[in-house]
C-alpha atoms as a PDB file:
ATOM      1  CA  MET A   1     119.270  80.842 118.546  1.00  0.00           C
ATOM      2  CA  SER A   2     120.803  82.171 121.871  1.00  0.00           C
ATOM      3  CA  PRO A   3     118.727  82.647 125.038  1.00  0.00           C
ATOM      4  CA  PRO A   4     117.715  86.339 125.868  1.00  0.00           C
ATOM      5  CA  PRO A   5     120.094  87.821 128.725  1.00  0.00           C
ATOM      6  CA  MET A   6     118.647  86.675 132.140  1.00  0.00           C
ATOM      7  CA  GLU A   7     118.068  90.676 132.867  1.00  0.00           C
ATOM      8  CA  GLN A   8     115.541  90.770 130.011  1.00  0.00           C
ATOM      9  CA  LEU A   9     113.701  87.629 130.912  1.00  0.00           C
ATOM     10  CA  GLY A  10     112.871  89.561 134.252  1.00  0.00           C
ATOM     11  CA  ARG A  11     113.843  86.749 136.632  1.00  0.00           C
ATOM     12  CA  LEU A  12     113.304  86.889 140.407  1.00  0.00           C
ATOM     13  CA  ARG A  13     115.134  89.776 142.427  1.00  0.00           C
ATOM     14  CA  LEU A  14     115.405  89.931 146.318  1.00  0.00           C
ATOM     15  CA  THR A  15     114.356  93.116 147.717  1.00  0.00           C
ATOM     16  CA  ARG A  16     114.337  92.794 151.109  1.00  0.00           C
ATOM     17  CA  HIS A  17     111.023  93.644 152.896  1.00  0.00           C
ATOM     18  CA  PRO A  18     109.926  91.147 155.281  1.00  0.00           C
ATOM     19  CA  THR A  19     106.779  92.448 156.297  1.00  0.00           C
ATOM     20  CA  LYS A  20     105.598  92.738 152.694  1.00  0.00           C
ATOM     21  CA  GLY A  21     106.819  88.832 152.330  1.00  0.00           C
ATOM     22  CA  ILE A  22     105.192  87.538 155.520  1.00  0.00           C
ATOM     23  CA  ALA A  23     101.675  89.399 154.485  1.00  0.00           C
ATOM     24  CA  CYS A  24     102.083  87.896 150.980  1.00  0.00           C
ATOM     25  CA  VAL A  25     102.624  84.508 152.441  1.00  0.00           C
ATOM     26  CA  LEU A  26      99.659  84.999 154.781  1.00  0.00           C
ATOM     27  CA  ILE A  27      97.196  86.133 152.557  1.00  0.00           C
ATOM     28  CA  ALA A  28      98.394  83.431 149.710  1.00  0.00           C
ATOM     29  CA  TRP A  29      97.258  80.853 152.037  1.00  0.00           C
ATOM     30  CA  ILE A  30      94.074  82.462 152.707  1.00  0.00           C
ATOM     31  CA  PHE A  31      92.999  81.769 148.920  1.00  0.00           C
ATOM     32  CA  PHE A  32      94.865  78.232 148.768  1.00  0.00           C
ATOM     33  CA  THR A  33      92.472  77.078 151.776  1.00  0.00           C
ATOM     34  CA  ILE A  34      89.406  78.520 150.417  1.00  0.00           C
ATOM     35  CA  ALA A  35      90.346  76.895 147.035  1.00  0.00           C
ATOM     36  CA  ILE A  36      90.765  73.421 149.122  1.00  0.00           C
ATOM     37  CA  ALA A  37      87.418  73.879 151.123  1.00  0.00           C
ATOM     38  CA  LEU A  38      85.449  74.666 147.754  1.00  0.00           C
ATOM     39  CA  SER A  39      86.966  71.707 145.945  1.00  0.00           C
ATOM     40  CA  ARG A  40      84.385  69.364 148.284  1.00  0.00           C
ATOM     41  CA  PRO A  41      81.201  70.514 147.158  1.00  0.00           C
ATOM     42  CA  ALA A  42      82.499  71.091 143.480  1.00  0.00           C
ATOM     43  CA  SER A  43      83.931  67.534 143.298  1.00  0.00           C
ATOM     44  CA  GLU A  44      80.921  66.153 144.716  1.00  0.00           C
ATOM     45  CA  SER A  45      78.572  67.645 141.850  1.00  0.00           C
ATOM     46  CA  SER A  46      81.378  67.363 138.981  1.00  0.00           C
ATOM     47  CA  SER A  47      84.727  65.391 139.874  1.00  0.00           C
ATOM     48  CA  VAL A  48      88.001  66.090 140.964  1.00  0.00           C
ATOM     49  CA  PRO A  49      89.769  66.100 137.462  1.00  0.00           C
ATOM     50  CA  THR A  50      87.104  68.456 136.557  1.00  0.00           C
ATOM     51  CA  VAL A  51      87.950  70.658 139.590  1.00  0.00           C
ATOM     52  CA  LEU A  52      91.853  70.496 138.571  1.00  0.00           C
ATOM     53  CA  PHE A  53      90.958  71.343 134.853  1.00  0.00           C
ATOM     54  CA  PHE A  54      88.922  74.450 135.541  1.00  0.00           C
ATOM     55  CA  GLN A  55      91.295  75.581 138.256  1.00  0.00           C
ATOM     56  CA  ASN A  56      94.337  75.644 136.107  1.00  0.00           C
ATOM     57  CA  LEU A  57      92.549  76.723 132.812  1.00  0.00           C
ATOM     58  CA  ILE A  58      91.168  79.894 134.652  1.00  0.00           C
ATOM     59  CA  SER A  59      94.733  80.391 136.188  1.00  0.00           C
ATOM     60  CA  LEU A  60      96.319  80.249 132.688  1.00  0.00           C
ATOM     61  CA  ILE A  61      93.687  82.535 131.499  1.00  0.00           C
ATOM     62  CA  VAL A  62      94.659  85.246 134.270  1.00  0.00           C
ATOM     63  CA  THR A  63      98.154  84.937 133.617  1.00  0.00           C
ATOM     64  CA  ILE A  64      98.653  84.894 129.733  1.00  0.00           C
ATOM     65  CA  PRO A  65      97.940  88.824 129.709  1.00  0.00           C
ATOM     66  CA  TRP A  66     101.319  89.412 131.905  1.00  0.00           C
ATOM     67  CA  LEU A  67     103.563  87.096 129.142  1.00  0.00           C
ATOM     68  CA  LEU A  68     101.720  88.674 126.331  1.00  0.00           C
ATOM     69  CA  ARG A  69     103.057  92.159 127.975  1.00  0.00           C
ATOM     70  CA  LYS A  70     106.693  90.927 127.855  1.00  0.00           C
ATOM     71  CA  GLY A  71     106.669  89.362 124.567  1.00  0.00           C
ATOM     72  CA  LYS A  72     108.141  86.197 122.974  1.00  0.00           C
ATOM     73  CA  LYS A  73     110.962  86.102 125.390  1.00  0.00           C
ATOM     74  CA  SER A  74     108.553  85.390 128.266  1.00  0.00           C
ATOM     75  CA  PHE A  75     107.767  81.879 126.496  1.00  0.00           C
ATOM     76  CA  TYR A  76     111.463  80.614 126.177  1.00  0.00           C
ATOM     77  CA  ILE A  77     112.375  77.861 128.714  1.00  0.00           C
ATOM     78  CA  PRO A  78     115.849  76.547 128.631  1.00  0.00           C
ATOM     79  CA  LYS A  79     115.212  74.198 131.899  1.00  0.00           C
ATOM     80  CA  PHE A  80     111.952  72.319 130.445  1.00  0.00           C
ATOM     81  CA  GLY A  81     112.828  69.316 132.099  1.00  0.00           C
ATOM     82  CA  LEU A  82     112.761  71.231 135.504  1.00  0.00           C
ATOM     83  CA  MET A  83     109.634  73.010 134.439  1.00  0.00           C
ATOM     84  CA  LEU A  84     107.882  69.679 133.793  1.00  0.00           C
ATOM     85  CA  VAL A  85     108.595  68.252 137.321  1.00  0.00           C
ATOM     86  CA  ARG A  86     107.439  71.593 139.164  1.00  0.00           C
ATOM     87  CA  ALA A  87     104.193  71.226 137.230  1.00  0.00           C
ATOM     88  CA  LEU A  88     103.560  67.590 137.503  1.00  0.00           C
ATOM     89  CA  ALA A  89     104.426  67.512 141.215  1.00  0.00           C
ATOM     90  CA  GLY A  90     102.507  70.781 141.970  1.00  0.00           C
ATOM     91  CA  TYR A  91      99.566  69.189 140.042  1.00  0.00           C
ATOM     92  CA  LEU A  92      99.848  65.764 142.039  1.00  0.00           C
ATOM     93  CA  SER A  93      99.883  67.733 145.273  1.00  0.00           C
ATOM     94  CA  PHE A  94      96.600  69.455 144.529  1.00  0.00           C
ATOM     95  CA  ALA A  95      94.854  66.349 143.460  1.00  0.00           C
ATOM     96  CA  PHE A  96      96.053  64.380 146.434  1.00  0.00           C
ATOM     97  CA  ALA A  97      94.611  67.367 148.626  1.00  0.00           C
ATOM     98  CA  PHE A  98      91.215  67.826 146.564  1.00  0.00           C
ATOM     99  CA  LEU A  99      90.846  63.483 147.213  1.00  0.00           C
ATOM    100  CA  ALA A 100      91.964  64.029 150.751  1.00  0.00           C
ATOM    101  CA  ILE A 101      89.000  66.628 151.608  1.00  0.00           C
ATOM    102  CA  GLN A 102      86.604  64.137 150.087  1.00  0.00           C
ATOM    103  CA  ARG A 103      87.479  61.837 153.239  1.00  0.00           C
ATOM    104  CA  THR A 104      88.879  63.792 156.018  1.00  0.00           C
ATOM    105  CA  SER A 105      89.033  67.466 157.709  1.00  0.00           C
ATOM    106  CA  LEU A 106      89.938  70.740 156.042  1.00  0.00           C
ATOM    107  CA  VAL A 107      92.598  71.007 159.005  1.00  0.00           C
ATOM    108  CA  ASN A 108      94.072  67.698 158.502  1.00  0.00           C
ATOM    109  CA  VAL A 109      94.271  68.331 154.794  1.00  0.00           C
ATOM    110  CA  VAL A 110      96.055  71.498 154.914  1.00  0.00           C
ATOM    111  CA  LEU A 111      98.359  70.329 157.672  1.00  0.00           C
ATOM    112  CA  LEU A 112      99.444  67.051 156.080  1.00  0.00           C
ATOM    113  CA  ASN A 113     100.023  69.183 152.572  1.00  0.00           C
ATOM    114  CA  ASN A 114     102.492  71.316 154.433  1.00  0.00           C
ATOM    115  CA  SER A 115     104.393  68.606 156.256  1.00  0.00           C
ATOM    116  CA  ALA A 116     106.237  68.908 152.613  1.00  0.00           C
ATOM    117  CA  PRO A 117     109.441  70.781 154.665  1.00  0.00           C
ATOM    118  CA  LEU A 118     109.636  67.175 156.752  1.00  0.00           C
ATOM    119  CA  PHE A 119     110.091  65.490 153.096  1.00  0.00           C
ATOM    120  CA  ILE A 120     112.760  68.110 151.695  1.00  0.00           C
ATOM    121  CA  PRO A 121     115.769  66.941 153.468  1.00  0.00           C
ATOM    122  CA  LEU A 122     115.005  63.117 153.174  1.00  0.00           C
ATOM    123  CA  ILE A 123     114.598  63.816 149.006  1.00  0.00           C
ATOM    124  CA  ILE A 124     117.647  65.867 149.368  1.00  0.00           C
ATOM    125  CA  TRP A 125     119.346  63.138 151.360  1.00  0.00           C
ATOM    126  CA  PHE A 126     118.078  60.215 149.050  1.00  0.00           C
ATOM    127  CA  TRP A 127     119.192  62.153 145.900  1.00  0.00           C
ATOM    128  CA  LYS A 128     122.854  63.506 146.708  1.00  0.00           C
ATOM    129  CA  ARG A 129     123.643  61.377 149.643  1.00  0.00           C
ATOM    130  CA  LYS A 130     124.255  64.627 151.458  1.00  0.00           C
ATOM    131  CA  LYS A 131     124.850  63.963 155.272  1.00  0.00           C
ATOM    132  CA  LEU A 132     121.791  65.575 157.245  1.00  0.00           C
ATOM    133  CA  PRO A 133     122.912  66.902 161.137  1.00  0.00           C
ATOM    134  CA  ARG A 134     121.428  65.353 163.929  1.00  0.00           C
ATOM    135  CA  SER A 135     119.583  68.528 164.937  1.00  0.00           C
ATOM    136  CA  LEU A 136     117.552  68.251 161.506  1.00  0.00           C
ATOM    137  CA  TRP A 137     116.563  64.456 162.161  1.00  0.00           C
ATOM    138  CA  MET A 138     115.127  65.601 165.388  1.00  0.00           C
ATOM    139  CA  GLY A 139     112.832  68.060 163.548  1.00  0.00           C
ATOM    140  CA  ILE A 140     111.883  65.346 161.138  1.00  0.00           C
ATOM    141  CA  LEU A 141     111.089  62.911 163.689  1.00  0.00           C
ATOM    142  CA  LEU A 142     108.971  65.101 165.652  1.00  0.00           C
ATOM    143  CA  GLY A 143     107.002  66.253 162.496  1.00  0.00           C
ATOM    144  CA  PHE A 144     106.438  62.170 162.048  1.00  0.00           C
ATOM    145  CA  ILE A 145     105.333  61.948 165.414  1.00  0.00           C
ATOM    146  CA  GLY A 146     102.745  64.516 165.040  1.00  0.00           C
ATOM    147  CA  ILE A 147     101.618  62.925 161.676  1.00  0.00           C
ATOM    148  CA  ALA A 148     101.027  59.876 163.063  1.00  0.00           C
ATOM    149  CA  ILE A 149      99.066  61.470 166.049  1.00  0.00           C
ATOM    150  CA  ILE A 150      96.814  62.865 162.990  1.00  0.00           C
ATOM    151  CA  LEU A 151      96.560  59.888 160.985  1.00  0.00           C
ATOM    152  CA  LYS A 152      95.954  57.613 164.133  1.00  0.00           C
ATOM    153  CA  PRO A 153      96.785  54.305 162.391  1.00  0.00           C
ATOM    154  CA  ASN A 154      95.771  51.323 163.630  1.00  0.00           C
ATOM    155  CA  HIS A 155      96.296  47.383 163.090  1.00  0.00           C
ATOM    156  CA  GLU A 156      94.447  47.782 159.918  1.00  0.00           C
ATOM    157  CA  ILE A 157      95.262  50.868 157.834  1.00  0.00           C
ATOM    158  CA  VAL A 158      95.666  54.621 157.584  1.00  0.00           C
ATOM    159  CA  LYS A 159      92.945  55.808 156.700  1.00  0.00           C
ATOM    160  CA  LEU A 160      92.615  56.726 152.774  1.00  0.00           C
ATOM    161  CA  GLY A 161      92.143  60.570 153.359  1.00  0.00           C
ATOM    162  CA  GLY A 162      95.111  61.021 155.836  1.00  0.00           C
ATOM    163  CA  PHE A 163      97.201  58.765 153.019  1.00  0.00           C
ATOM    164  CA  PHE A 164      95.999  61.438 150.149  1.00  0.00           C
ATOM    165  CA  GLY A 165      96.765  63.973 152.155  1.00  0.00           C
ATOM    166  CA  LEU A 166     100.293  62.796 153.265  1.00  0.00           C
ATOM    167  CA  ALA A 167     100.997  62.265 149.301  1.00  0.00           C
ATOM    168  CA  ALA A 168     100.270  66.024 148.691  1.00  0.00           C
ATOM    169  CA  GLY A 169     102.946  66.996 151.452  1.00  0.00           C
ATOM    170  CA  ILE A 170     105.303  64.627 149.412  1.00  0.00           C
ATOM    171  CA  CYS A 171     104.682  65.970 145.873  1.00  0.00           C
ATOM    172  CA  LEU A 172     104.611  69.768 147.395  1.00  0.00           C
ATOM    173  CA  ALA A 173     108.075  68.943 148.654  1.00  0.00           C
ATOM    174  CA  PHE A 174     109.176  67.977 145.138  1.00  0.00           C
ATOM    175  CA  SER A 175     107.561  70.925 143.954  1.00  0.00           C
ATOM    176  CA  MET A 176     109.073  73.209 146.045  1.00  0.00           C
ATOM    177  CA  ILE A 177     112.906  71.764 145.378  1.00  0.00           C
ATOM    178  CA  ALA A 178     112.130  72.165 141.515  1.00  0.00           C
ATOM    179  CA  GLN A 179     110.499  75.849 141.885  1.00  0.00           C
ATOM    180  CA  ARG A 180     113.389  77.050 144.183  1.00  0.00           C
ATOM    181  CA  ARG A 181     115.962  76.303 141.582  1.00  0.00           C
ATOM    182  CA  LEU A 182     113.716  77.614 138.657  1.00  0.00           C
ATOM    183  CA  VAL A 183     113.231  81.206 140.302  1.00  0.00           C
ATOM    184  CA  LYS A 184     117.155  81.429 140.358  1.00  0.00           C
ATOM    185  CA  THR A 185     116.900  81.861 136.393  1.00  0.00           C
ATOM    186  CA  GLU A 186     113.641  81.896 135.270  1.00  0.00           C
ATOM    187  CA  PRO A 187     110.678  84.884 135.244  1.00  0.00           C
ATOM    188  CA  ILE A 188     107.930  84.089 137.659  1.00  0.00           C
ATOM    189  CA  TYR A 189     105.109  84.273 135.205  1.00  0.00           C
ATOM    190  CA  THR A 190     107.148  81.913 132.770  1.00  0.00           C
ATOM    191  CA  ILE A 191     107.314  79.437 135.288  1.00  0.00           C
ATOM    192  CA  LEU A 192     103.448  80.105 136.409  1.00  0.00           C
ATOM    193  CA  PHE A 193     102.206  79.724 132.714  1.00  0.00           C
ATOM    194  CA  TYR A 194     103.902  76.579 132.063  1.00  0.00           C
ATOM    195  CA  TYR A 195     102.582  75.260 135.447  1.00  0.00           C
ATOM    196  CA  PHE A 196      99.222  76.100 134.519  1.00  0.00           C
ATOM    197  CA  LEU A 197      99.353  74.926 130.808  1.00  0.00           C
ATOM    198  CA  ILE A 198     100.936  71.413 131.605  1.00  0.00           C
ATOM    199  CA  SER A 199      98.384  71.064 134.343  1.00  0.00           C
ATOM    200  CA  THR A 200      95.571  71.870 132.344  1.00  0.00           C
ATOM    201  CA  LEU A 201      96.695  69.624 129.417  1.00  0.00           C
ATOM    202  CA  LEU A 202      97.191  66.578 132.223  1.00  0.00           C
ATOM    203  CA  SER A 203      93.392  67.532 133.737  1.00  0.00           C
ATOM    204  CA  LEU A 204      91.863  67.706 130.056  1.00  0.00           C
ATOM    205  CA  PRO A 205      91.594  63.782 129.350  1.00  0.00           C
ATOM    206  CA  PHE A 206      90.621  62.732 132.766  1.00  0.00           C
ATOM    207  CA  SER A 207      88.001  65.597 132.944  1.00  0.00           C
ATOM    208  CA  ILE A 208      86.474  64.425 129.605  1.00  0.00           C
ATOM    209  CA  ASP A 209      86.213  60.982 130.873  1.00  0.00           C
ATOM    210  CA  ALA A 210      84.604  62.171 134.121  1.00  0.00           C
ATOM    211  CA  TRP A 211      82.315  64.964 132.465  1.00  0.00           C
ATOM    212  CA  LYS A 212      79.154  65.710 134.186  1.00  0.00           C
ATOM    213  CA  THR A 213      76.819  68.524 133.463  1.00  0.00           C
ATOM    214  CA  LEU A 214      77.330  71.284 135.587  1.00  0.00           C
ATOM    215  CA  ASN A 215      74.710  73.437 137.337  1.00  0.00           C
ATOM    216  CA  SER A 216      75.208  77.207 138.041  1.00  0.00           C
ATOM    217  CA  GLU A 217      76.446  76.629 141.608  1.00  0.00           C
ATOM    218  CA  THR A 218      78.987  74.128 140.767  1.00  0.00           C
ATOM    219  CA  LEU A 219      80.300  76.860 137.943  1.00  0.00           C
ATOM    220  CA  LEU A 220      80.430  79.752 140.594  1.00  0.00           C
ATOM    221  CA  GLN A 221      82.464  77.217 142.847  1.00  0.00           C
ATOM    222  CA  LEU A 222      85.093  76.268 139.995  1.00  0.00           C
ATOM    223  CA  LEU A 223      85.378  79.835 139.083  1.00  0.00           C
ATOM    224  CA  GLY A 224      85.845  80.614 142.789  1.00  0.00           C
ATOM    225  CA  ILE A 225      88.834  77.875 142.719  1.00  0.00           C
ATOM    226  CA  GLY A 226      90.396  79.023 139.833  1.00  0.00           C
ATOM    227  CA  LEU A 227      90.630  82.663 140.993  1.00  0.00           C
ATOM    228  CA  CYS A 228      91.620  81.901 144.566  1.00  0.00           C
ATOM    229  CA  PHE A 229      94.384  79.427 143.236  1.00  0.00           C
ATOM    230  CA  ALA A 230      95.604  81.849 140.583  1.00  0.00           C
ATOM    231  CA  THR A 231      95.926  84.813 143.101  1.00  0.00           C
ATOM    232  CA  GLY A 232      97.472  82.469 145.755  1.00  0.00           C
ATOM    233  CA  GLN A 233     100.057  81.368 143.228  1.00  0.00           C
ATOM    234  CA  HIS A 234     100.835  85.277 142.467  1.00  0.00           C
ATOM    235  CA  LEU A 235     100.709  85.924 146.001  1.00  0.00           C
ATOM    236  CA  PHE A 236     103.525  83.586 146.935  1.00  0.00           C
ATOM    237  CA  PHE A 237     105.901  84.367 143.958  1.00  0.00           C
ATOM    238  CA  ARG A 238     105.144  87.576 144.962  1.00  0.00           C
ATOM    239  CA  ALA A 239     106.840  86.922 148.348  1.00  0.00           C
ATOM    240  CA  SER A 240     109.379  85.544 147.257  1.00  0.00           C
ATOM    241  CA  ARG A 241     110.438  88.901 146.024  1.00  0.00           C
ATOM    242  CA  TYR A 242     110.441  90.439 149.542  1.00  0.00           C
ATOM    243  CA  GLU A 243     112.260  87.585 151.298  1.00  0.00           C
ATOM    244  CA  LYS A 244     113.901  84.177 151.299  1.00  0.00           C
ATOM    245  CA  PRO A 245     111.700  80.919 151.330  1.00  0.00           C
ATOM    246  CA  SER A 246     113.686  79.840 154.373  1.00  0.00           C
ATOM    247  CA  PHE A 247     112.411  83.061 156.276  1.00  0.00           C
ATOM    248  CA  LEU A 248     108.916  82.619 154.942  1.00  0.00           C
ATOM    249  CA  ALA A 249     108.421  78.919 155.150  1.00  0.00           C
ATOM    250  CA  PRO A 250     107.123  78.926 158.901  1.00  0.00           C
ATOM    251  CA  PHE A 251     104.485  81.327 157.810  1.00  0.00           C
ATOM    252  CA  ASN A 252     102.938  78.696 155.675  1.00  0.00           C
ATOM    253  CA  TYR A 253     101.389  77.153 158.691  1.00  0.00           C
ATOM    254  CA  SER A 254      99.014  79.657 159.079  1.00  0.00           C
ATOM    255  CA  ALA A 255      97.085  77.678 156.445  1.00  0.00           C
ATOM    256  CA  VAL A 256      96.012  75.162 159.814  1.00  0.00           C
ATOM    257  CA  VAL A 257      94.509  78.302 161.594  1.00  0.00           C
ATOM    258  CA  TYR A 258      92.585  79.509 158.312  1.00  0.00           C
ATOM    259  CA  GLY A 259      91.439  75.736 158.023  1.00  0.00           C
ATOM    260  CA  ALA A 260      90.301  75.271 161.438  1.00  0.00           C
ATOM    261  CA  ILE A 261      88.217  78.548 161.298  1.00  0.00           C
ATOM    262  CA  ILE A 262      86.440  77.565 157.753  1.00  0.00           C
ATOM    263  CA  GLN A 263      85.975  74.071 159.262  1.00  0.00           C
ATOM    264  CA  TRP A 264      83.962  75.453 162.143  1.00  0.00           C
ATOM    265  CA  LEU A 265      81.983  77.970 160.278  1.00  0.00           C
ATOM    266  CA  ILE A 266      81.236  75.603 157.133  1.00  0.00           C
ATOM    267  CA  TRP A 267      80.847  72.362 158.777  1.00  0.00           C
ATOM    268  CA  SER A 268      80.369  73.423 162.303  1.00  0.00           C
ATOM    269  CA  ASN A 269      83.371  70.728 163.077  1.00  0.00           C
ATOM    270  CA  ILE A 270      86.098  71.731 165.819  1.00  0.00           C
ATOM    271  CA  PRO A 271      89.636  69.431 165.675  1.00  0.00           C
ATOM    272  CA  SER A 272      89.650  67.188 168.794  1.00  0.00           C
ATOM    273  CA  TRP A 273      92.099  67.448 171.273  1.00  0.00           C
ATOM    274  CA  SER A 274      94.600  64.900 169.634  1.00  0.00           C
ATOM    275  CA  ASP A 275      94.542  66.513 166.398  1.00  0.00           C
ATOM    276  CA  ILE A 276      95.443  69.788 167.917  1.00  0.00           C
ATOM    277  CA  ILE A 277      98.409  68.130 169.930  1.00  0.00           C
ATOM    278  CA  GLY A 278      99.326  66.530 166.498  1.00  0.00           C
ATOM    279  CA  VAL A 279      99.101  69.971 164.576  1.00  0.00           C
ATOM    280  CA  ILE A 280     101.211  71.656 167.120  1.00  0.00           C
ATOM    281  CA  ILE A 281     104.001  68.829 167.062  1.00  0.00           C
ATOM    282  CA  VAL A 282     104.380  68.829 163.247  1.00  0.00           C
ATOM    283  CA  CYS A 283     104.312  72.537 163.153  1.00  0.00           C
ATOM    284  CA  VAL A 284     107.313  72.563 165.835  1.00  0.00           C
ATOM    285  CA  GLY A 285     109.138  69.758 163.556  1.00  0.00           C
ATOM    286  CA  GLY A 286     108.602  71.658 160.499  1.00  0.00           C
ATOM    287  CA  ILE A 287     109.788  74.896 161.872  1.00  0.00           C
ATOM    288  CA  ILE A 288     112.721  73.104 163.408  1.00  0.00           C
ATOM    289  CA  THR A 289     113.543  71.340 160.044  1.00  0.00           C
ATOM    290  CA  ILE A 290     112.802  74.435 158.132  1.00  0.00           C
ATOM    291  CA  ALA A 291     115.477  76.219 160.522  1.00  0.00           C
ATOM    292  CA  TYR A 292     118.452  73.788 160.156  1.00  0.00           C
ATOM    293  CA  ASN A 293     117.268  73.252 156.370  1.00  0.00           C
ATOM    294  CA  LYS A 294     118.125  76.485 154.899  1.00  0.00           C
ATOM    295  CA  ARG A 295     120.458  75.595 152.488  1.00  0.00           C
ATOM    296  CA  ALA A 296     119.041  72.263 151.088  1.00  0.00           C
ATOM    297  CA  VAL A 297     117.179  73.776 148.131  1.00  0.00           C
END
């Protein structure tokens, strides 16, 4: 059977409106940051696989009505391999972020998670053997200096929380590359549906193995994580309708500000001066990398 015409599939169409695009990204990261923050108490009373299972199951349930409105054509997936890479990388990114938040500060987690732009050109360079301009290497190097300041490696080993946060950023980079290629031809709700479905199925056996009886407070936390995650994902894709990812990417670092506010309000924890300096350096390096890497994905 031949695939439905692309105009029927409802693929992503860019309607330039920078203000709306920026607003969607800024609000999306509020929800993502809240989800990561809630994962700390939820994981302590359940498990990380359980949190991931509920996060993606709730998001899947929220997304299904949109697909049903579009009919059978919404479930067509000509690029299943790329869809699988996107889902697996996205799943691992949040898995590592949830592991990291148990061991380090919220600011460090969201910052290291948003180090993804530093890894994208390196992945492209390794994959396509595409030469990177000198200015791009400057941004990457600056970003890694900032990461080193935050992680504070010593003669022993980098703290496990920082390692998990960095792993989350690397996985997010793979997810962003796959997602950018998918949105050129695939409808956004189809991408989200298969992302949530694959992630739910991946989480299921691990959550069963680590299952604990859930109290009402934990259930509310898991519900909040799922709704925040689904809302953030939908807003993120909506932002792509209004502006190019290369324009919107620097605004992802708003998550660091949200993380600092939530960290202060909930845990009365203020970032140290070395963390603040590291954050600023990583943000500057990331923005330089984004500016010189617009065509990488």
